[in-house]
Amino acid sequence: MKIEAMEYEKTGISEVNPHEIVSKSEWLVACKDLLKREKKLT
């Protein structure tokens, strides 16, 4: 358990929270990219 906690501190990813923790600006860039890719499909 201690190793898992240390890994979580480094990456922000665990079995409970499988998503990476990013800054708001990084999230916004990824969100805009996703919207562009979704629009191509429709």
Protein backbone atom coordinates (compact mmCIF):
# COMPACT_ATOMS: atom_id res chain seq x y z
CA MET A 1 0.00 0.00 0.00
CA LYS A 2 2.84 2.38 0.80
CA ILE A 3 4.37 1.92 -2.68
CA GLU A 4 0.99 2.58 -4.32
CA ALA A 5 0.66 5.82 -2.35
CA MET A 6 4.13 6.91 -3.45
CA GLU A 7 3.30 6.14 -7.10
CA TYR A 8 0.08 8.14 -6.78
CA GLU A 9 1.99 11.16 -5.47
CA LYS A 10 4.28 11.05 -8.52
CA THR A 11 1.65 10.49 -11.22
CA GLY A 12 -1.73 11.40 -9.71
CA ILE A 13 -3.03 8.06 -11.00
CA SER A 14 -4.31 5.17 -8.88
CA GLU A 15 -6.81 2.34 -9.20
CA VAL A 16 -9.43 4.56 -7.58
CA ASN A 17 -8.55 7.59 -9.75
CA PRO A 18 -7.27 6.23 -13.10
CA HIS A 19 -7.11 9.72 -14.66
CA GLU A 20 -4.10 11.97 -14.77
CA ILE A 21 -4.35 15.24 -12.84
CA VAL A 22 -3.48 18.18 -15.10
CA SER A 23 -3.58 21.95 -14.99
CA LYS A 24 -6.60 23.87 -16.26
CA SER A 25 -4.68 25.07 -19.33
CA GLU A 26 -3.64 21.49 -20.25
CA TRP A 27 -7.22 20.32 -19.80
CA LEU A 28 -8.52 23.14 -22.01
CA VAL A 29 -6.11 22.24 -24.84
CA ALA A 30 -7.14 18.57 -24.64
CA CYS A 31 -10.83 19.49 -24.53
CA LYS A 32 -10.56 21.69 -27.63
CA ASP A 33 -8.68 18.93 -29.44
CA LEU A 34 -11.39 16.42 -28.53
CA LEU A 35 -14.11 18.78 -29.78
CA LYS A 36 -12.30 19.18 -33.11
CA ARG A 37 -12.01 15.41 -33.51
CA GLU A 38 -15.70 14.92 -32.60
CA LYS A 39 -16.76 17.57 -35.12
CA LYS A 40 -14.89 15.73 -37.91
CA LEU A 41 -17.01 12.66 -37.18
CA THR A 42 -20.34 14.47 -37.41
